[in-house]
């Protein structure tokens, strides 16, 4: 899908470009979503630059993600998408600045694009250009990462309360442990994806700050880039804190699981030890020797039962006295 955003007074008009159509020359933002080959060629002919393919966008080398070609700045970042679902994903998005016009290439729909598109459709500066749109997008991406981390932090606090709550019910432990471990794993995966996104955004902002002089960006945008760098650094530090907390909760949860398993094994061990002396007594009187005086004794059978009972009670009392149970 190919969309062109055209200034109309104090707003940006969104216009869908159909196959074989013409891109308005006054467009300041051209958005390519899962573009076809025909749409790529249309944009390339309009702007005079090459549009990277999906395979090129997925390359992880910095030189393949941040570079200058034919006077255009190519910047690819990994952004979060579907973070509100049970299957959060990250997707590469390429930002291209050419002659103060912005071209974005993406194969998913990160939430910041929707927010910025709706915002600029309502109100924007009369002198808006691709540089300003890129600043709004980067600012929205960083804000979105902060919102995700805030949500993860609140959820991790609830998981921590569940793990260490001394007044919690002790029924259905297996289901509770399974749910808690899944929750910890899900938040750990989301946090790692946010960290990866922040790393790529930080590199992009640094690259853009280094290119600011050559692009002749105004002072307010340069100051905004410095603010973004500080925000990305602070979010990265907060991500490290949350990651350490999740690792601590995982270790604590595994420790509780091991304690429960040890308790079960201890019960079986105690039962085996308690039943061992009565089994010994029963084995002795189950022998078929000819000369066993108790076999002819009237009270032999009750005496054997009492002896087996006492032999079972004594180990149990000893364990309770030593506080092993």
Protein backbone atom coordinates (compact mmCIF):
# COMPACT_ATOMS: atom_id res chain seq x y z
CA UNK A 1 0.00 0.00 0.00
CA UNK A 2 1.32 3.43 -0.96
CA UNK A 3 0.16 6.54 0.90
CA UNK A 4 1.23 10.14 0.33
CA UNK A 5 0.81 12.85 2.98
CA UNK A 6 0.30 16.30 1.51
CA UNK A 7 0.31 19.64 3.45
CA UNK A 8 -3.05 21.32 3.49
CA UNK A 9 -2.75 24.44 5.64
CA UNK A 10 -2.25 23.27 9.22
CA UNK A 11 -2.78 19.57 8.55
CA UNK A 12 -1.50 16.71 6.43
CA UNK A 13 -3.93 15.18 4.00
CA UNK A 14 -3.55 11.43 3.58
CA UNK A 15 -3.96 10.27 0.00
CA UNK A 16 -3.80 6.67 -1.18
CA UNK A 17 -1.93 6.20 -4.44
CA UNK A 18 -3.41 3.49 -6.60
CA UNK A 19 -1.31 1.35 -8.98
CA UNK A 20 -0.37 3.43 -11.99
CA UNK A 21 -1.20 6.65 -10.15
CA UNK A 22 0.90 9.77 -9.70
CA UNK A 23 2.48 10.91 -6.44
CA UNK A 24 1.72 14.60 -5.79
CA UNK A 25 4.96 16.62 -6.02
CA UNK A 26 4.16 18.50 -2.79
CA UNK A 27 4.03 15.28 -0.71
CA UNK A 28 6.34 15.49 2.34
CA UNK A 29 5.80 11.95 3.65
CA UNK A 30 5.47 8.85 1.48
CA UNK A 31 4.52 5.74 3.43
CA UNK A 32 5.07 2.29 1.90
CA UNK A 33 3.36 -0.61 3.70
CA UNK A 34 4.25 -4.07 2.34
CA UNK A 35 4.92 -2.43 -1.04
CA UNK A 36 4.62 -4.22 -4.33
CA UNK A 37 7.36 -4.06 -6.94
CA UNK A 38 5.29 -1.58 -8.95
CA UNK A 39 4.91 0.72 -5.93
CA UNK A 40 8.67 0.54 -5.26
CA UNK A 41 9.43 1.58 -8.82
CA UNK A 42 6.89 4.42 -8.63
CA UNK A 43 8.55 5.86 -5.51
CA UNK A 44 12.04 5.35 -6.92
CA UNK A 45 11.11 7.23 -10.07
CA UNK A 46 9.50 10.03 -8.06
CA UNK A 47 12.29 10.55 -5.51
CA UNK A 48 15.22 9.36 -7.58
CA UNK A 49 16.59 6.94 -4.99
CA UNK A 50 16.51 3.17 -4.45
CA UNK A 51 14.00 1.67 -2.02
CA UNK A 52 15.50 -1.18 0.05
CA UNK A 53 13.96 -4.63 -0.14
CA UNK A 54 12.64 -6.54 2.86
CA UNK A 55 15.75 -8.75 2.91
CA UNK A 56 18.01 -5.70 2.96
CA UNK A 57 16.00 -4.18 5.81
CA UNK A 58 16.48 -7.33 7.92
CA UNK A 59 20.28 -7.20 7.76
CA UNK A 60 21.80 -6.54 11.18
CA UNK A 61 25.07 -4.86 10.17
CA UNK A 62 25.13 -1.20 11.15
CA UNK A 63 26.60 -0.29 7.77
CA UNK A 64 23.57 -1.89 6.09
CA UNK A 65 21.10 -0.07 8.32
CA UNK A 66 22.56 3.43 8.58
CA UNK A 67 24.19 4.92 5.50
CA UNK A 68 24.12 7.76 2.99
CA UNK A 69 23.51 7.07 -0.70
CA UNK A 70 22.97 9.60 -3.49
CA UNK A 71 22.43 12.36 -0.95
CA UNK A 72 19.68 10.42 0.86
CA UNK A 73 19.96 9.20 4.46
CA UNK A 74 18.86 5.59 4.96
CA UNK A 75 17.99 4.62 8.53
CA UNK A 76 16.54 1.24 9.52
CA UNK A 77 15.32 0.58 13.06
CA UNK A 78 13.65 -2.37 14.75
CA UNK A 79 10.28 -1.30 16.17
CA UNK A 80 7.79 -3.05 18.42
CA UNK A 81 4.39 -4.11 17.11
CA UNK A 82 1.52 -6.16 18.53
CA UNK A 83 2.93 -5.50 21.99
CA UNK A 84 -0.56 -5.53 23.52
CA UNK A 85 -1.14 -9.13 22.44
CA UNK A 86 0.21 -12.44 23.73
CA UNK A 87 2.55 -12.61 20.73
CA UNK A 88 4.54 -9.36 20.61
CA UNK A 89 6.69 -8.91 17.54
CA UNK A 90 9.35 -6.58 16.26
CA UNK A 91 9.65 -5.44 12.69
CA UNK A 92 12.29 -3.52 10.70
CA UNK A 93 11.24 -0.08 9.48
CA UNK A 94 13.33 2.02 7.10
CA UNK A 95 13.27 5.81 7.21
CA UNK A 96 14.68 7.60 4.15
CA UNK A 97 15.29 11.35 4.14
CA UNK A 98 15.84 12.81 0.70
CA UNK A 99 15.57 16.54 -0.03
CA UNK A 100 13.66 17.10 3.24
CA UNK A 101 11.09 14.50 2.13
CA UNK A 102 10.48 11.39 4.24
CA UNK A 103 9.91 7.91 2.82
CA UNK A 104 9.05 5.09 5.23
CA UNK A 105 9.13 1.43 4.28
CA UNK A 106 7.53 -1.13 6.59
CA UNK A 107 5.84 -4.51 6.53
CA UNK A 108 3.78 -4.18 9.69
CA UNK A 109 1.76 -1.50 11.44
CA UNK A 110 3.54 -0.20 14.57
CA UNK A 111 1.27 1.89 16.75
CA UNK A 112 3.39 5.11 16.55
CA UNK A 113 2.66 5.36 12.81
CA UNK A 114 -1.07 5.33 13.47
CA UNK A 115 -0.77 7.91 16.27
CA UNK A 116 1.44 10.29 14.30
CA UNK A 117 -0.66 9.90 11.15
CA UNK A 118 -3.84 10.77 13.02
CA UNK A 119 -2.16 13.65 14.84
CA UNK A 120 -0.77 15.27 11.67
CA UNK A 121 -4.10 14.77 9.93
CA UNK A 122 -5.64 17.03 12.59
CA UNK A 123 -2.96 19.65 13.11
CA UNK A 124 0.66 20.31 12.12
CA UNK A 125 2.96 23.23 11.45
CA UNK A 126 2.29 25.09 8.20
CA UNK A 127 5.96 24.67 7.24
CA UNK A 128 5.98 20.92 7.91
CA UNK A 129 8.46 18.80 5.97
CA UNK A 130 9.88 15.29 6.07
CA UNK A 131 12.40 16.18 8.78
CA UNK A 132 9.64 17.31 11.16
CA UNK A 133 7.55 14.21 10.41
CA UNK A 134 10.57 11.99 11.19
CA UNK A 135 11.07 13.77 14.52
CA UNK A 136 7.43 13.19 15.41
CA UNK A 137 7.71 9.51 14.48
CA UNK A 138 10.89 8.97 16.50
CA UNK A 139 9.40 10.79 19.47
CA UNK A 140 6.28 8.61 19.27
CA UNK A 141 8.40 5.44 18.99
CA UNK A 142 10.36 6.35 22.12
CA UNK A 143 7.15 7.22 23.99
CA UNK A 144 5.67 3.88 22.94
CA UNK A 145 8.72 2.02 24.26
CA UNK A 146 8.37 3.90 27.55
CA UNK A 147 4.68 2.94 27.79
CA UNK A 148 5.52 -0.72 27.18
CA UNK A 149 8.20 -0.67 29.88
CA UNK A 150 5.81 0.98 32.33
CA UNK A 151 3.24 -1.73 31.64
CA UNK A 152 5.85 -4.49 32.01
CA UNK A 153 7.13 -2.96 35.25
CA UNK A 154 3.63 -2.90 36.75
CA UNK A 155 3.00 -6.51 35.70
CA UNK A 156 6.36 -7.64 37.13
CA UNK A 157 5.46 -5.99 40.45
CA UNK A 158 2.21 -7.97 40.52
CA UNK A 159 4.08 -11.19 39.74
CA UNK A 160 6.56 -10.38 42.52
CA UNK A 161 3.69 -9.93 44.97
CA UNK A 162 2.27 -13.28 43.90
CA UNK A 163 5.60 -15.05 44.34
CA UNK A 164 6.50 -13.61 47.73
CA UNK A 165 3.04 -13.05 49.23
CA UNK A 166 3.18 -14.88 52.61
CA UNK A 167 -0.61 -14.85 52.96
CA UNK A 168 -1.31 -16.46 49.60
CA UNK A 169 -3.36 -19.65 49.38
CA UNK A 170 -1.37 -22.84 49.08
CA UNK A 171 -3.86 -24.74 46.96
CA UNK A 172 -3.40 -25.56 43.29
CA UNK A 173 0.30 -24.88 43.54
CA UNK A 174 1.03 -26.58 40.25
CA UNK A 175 -1.36 -24.31 38.35
CA UNK A 176 -0.06 -21.24 40.19
CA UNK A 177 3.57 -22.07 39.48
CA UNK A 178 2.82 -22.83 35.83
CA UNK A 179 0.95 -19.55 35.36
CA UNK A 180 3.66 -17.56 37.16
CA UNK A 181 6.49 -19.10 35.13
CA UNK A 182 4.61 -18.40 31.89
CA UNK A 183 4.03 -14.81 32.97
CA UNK A 184 7.70 -14.32 33.85
CA UNK A 185 8.79 -15.81 30.53
CA UNK A 186 6.34 -13.65 28.56
CA UNK A 187 7.50 -10.45 30.24
CA UNK A 188 11.14 -11.44 29.82
CA UNK A 189 10.59 -11.96 26.10
CA UNK A 190 8.80 -8.62 25.74
CA UNK A 191 11.54 -6.81 27.67
CA UNK A 192 14.25 -8.31 25.46
CA UNK A 193 12.38 -7.17 22.35
CA UNK A 194 12.06 -3.65 23.78
CA UNK A 195 15.79 -3.65 24.54
CA UNK A 196 16.59 -4.63 20.96
CA UNK A 197 14.30 -1.90 19.67
CA UNK A 198 15.90 0.72 21.94
CA UNK A 199 19.39 -0.25 20.79
CA UNK A 200 18.44 0.23 17.13
CA UNK A 201 16.62 3.51 17.86
CA UNK A 202 19.63 4.79 19.82
CA UNK A 203 21.92 4.07 16.87
CA UNK A 204 19.51 5.76 14.49
CA UNK A 205 19.24 8.90 16.65
CA UNK A 206 23.03 9.06 17.01
CA UNK A 207 23.45 8.69 13.24
CA UNK A 208 20.89 11.43 12.64
CA UNK A 209 22.61 13.71 15.17
CA UNK A 210 25.94 13.24 13.39
CA UNK A 211 24.29 14.03 10.04
CA UNK A 212 22.40 17.05 11.40
CA UNK A 213 24.94 19.58 10.17
CA UNK A 214 25.06 18.15 6.66
CA UNK A 215 21.26 18.03 6.55
CA UNK A 216 21.09 21.62 7.82
CA UNK A 217 18.64 20.75 10.56
CA UNK A 218 17.45 23.73 12.65
CA UNK A 219 18.67 24.18 16.22
CA UNK A 220 15.38 23.06 17.78
CA UNK A 221 15.59 19.70 15.96
CA UNK A 222 19.20 19.24 17.04
CA UNK A 223 18.17 19.91 20.64
CA UNK A 224 15.30 17.46 20.20
CA UNK A 225 17.76 14.81 18.99
CA UNK A 226 19.89 15.29 22.12
CA UNK A 227 16.77 14.92 24.26
CA UNK A 228 15.91 11.70 22.41
CA UNK A 229 19.40 10.36 23.05
CA UNK A 230 19.01 10.98 26.79
CA UNK A 231 15.55 9.40 26.77
CA UNK A 232 16.79 6.29 24.96
CA UNK A 233 19.70 5.96 27.40
CA UNK A 234 17.41 6.28 30.43
CA UNK A 235 14.97 3.75 28.97
CA UNK A 236 17.84 1.35 28.27
CA UNK A 237 18.93 1.64 31.92
CA UNK A 238 15.36 1.00 33.05
CA UNK A 239 15.17 -2.01 30.74
CA UNK A 240 18.29 -3.41 32.41
CA UNK A 241 16.67 -2.95 35.82
CA UNK A 242 13.50 -4.74 34.75
CA UNK A 243 15.53 -7.54 33.16
CA UNK A 244 17.47 -8.06 36.39
CA UNK A 245 14.23 -8.12 38.36
CA UNK A 246 12.70 -10.68 36.01
CA UNK A 247 15.82 -12.84 36.32
CA UNK A 248 15.59 -12.60 40.12
CA UNK A 249 11.91 -13.61 40.07
CA UNK A 250 12.69 -16.53 37.77
CA UNK A 251 15.43 -17.76 40.11
CA UNK A 252 13.14 -17.35 43.10
CA UNK A 253 10.31 -19.19 41.36
CA UNK A 254 12.59 -22.08 40.42
CA UNK A 255 13.77 -22.18 44.04
CA UNK A 256 10.18 -22.48 45.29
CA UNK A 257 9.50 -25.25 42.79
CA UNK A 258 12.59 -27.12 44.02
CA UNK A 259 11.45 -26.73 47.63
CA UNK A 260 8.05 -28.18 46.78
CA UNK A 261 9.68 -31.10 44.97
CA UNK A 262 11.97 -31.70 47.94
CA UNK A 263 8.97 -31.72 50.27
CA UNK A 264 7.29 -34.39 48.16
CA UNK A 265 10.44 -36.48 48.05
CA UNK A 266 10.84 -36.05 51.82
CA UNK A 267 7.35 -37.40 52.42
CA UNK A 268 8.09 -40.51 50.37
CA UNK A 269 11.38 -40.98 52.20
CA UNK A 270 9.71 -40.69 55.60
CA UNK A 271 6.99 -43.15 54.62
CA UNK A 272 9.62 -45.62 53.43
CA UNK A 273 11.60 -45.29 56.70
CA UNK A 274 8.45 -45.55 58.86
CA UNK A 275 7.32 -48.72 57.08
CA UNK A 276 10.75 -50.36 57.16
CA UNK A 277 10.71 -51.60 60.83
CA UNK A 278 7.15 -53.07 60.60
CA UNK A 279 8.20 -54.79 57.38
CA UNK A 280 11.21 -56.26 59.21
CA UNK A 281 8.98 -57.59 62.01
CA UNK A 282 6.49 -59.06 59.52
CA UNK A 283 9.36 -60.65 57.58
CA UNK A 284 10.75 -62.32 60.70
CA UNK A 285 7.41 -63.84 61.69
CA UNK A 286 6.72 -64.79 58.11
CA UNK A 287 9.68 -67.20 58.08
CA UNK A 288 8.79 -70.89 57.93
CA UNK A 289 11.24 -72.17 60.52
CA UNK A 290 10.20 -75.23 62.57
CA UNK A 291 11.28 -73.91 65.98
CA UNK A 292 9.58 -70.51 66.46
CA UNK A 293 8.02 -70.37 69.99
CA UNK A 294 5.71 -67.46 69.11
CA UNK A 295 3.89 -69.54 66.47
CA UNK A 296 2.34 -71.73 69.18
CA UNK A 297 1.64 -68.84 71.54
CA UNK A 298 -1.97 -67.71 71.89
CA UNK A 299 -1.01 -64.00 72.01
CA UNK A 300 1.65 -64.26 69.27
CA UNK A 301 -0.43 -62.65 66.53
CA UNK A 302 -1.59 -59.64 68.62
CA UNK A 303 1.94 -59.22 69.93
CA UNK A 304 3.31 -59.09 66.37
CA UNK A 305 0.74 -56.46 65.37
CA UNK A 306 1.54 -54.33 68.42
CA UNK A 307 5.25 -54.68 67.76
CA UNK A 308 4.82 -53.56 64.12
CA UNK A 309 2.71 -50.58 65.23
CA UNK A 310 5.31 -49.51 67.80
CA UNK A 311 8.08 -49.97 65.25
CA UNK A 312 6.22 -47.60 62.88
CA UNK A 313 5.37 -44.98 65.52
CA UNK A 314 8.87 -44.65 66.98
CA UNK A 315 10.56 -43.35 63.75
CA UNK A 316 7.70 -40.92 63.17
CA UNK A 317 7.98 -39.54 66.73
CA UNK A 318 11.75 -39.26 66.33
CA UNK A 319 11.38 -37.30 63.08
CA UNK A 320 8.88 -34.94 64.69
CA UNK A 321 11.17 -34.45 67.66
CA UNK A 322 14.06 -33.55 65.37
CA UNK A 323 11.69 -31.24 63.43
CA UNK A 324 12.36 -33.00 60.16
CA UNK A 325 8.64 -33.01 59.39
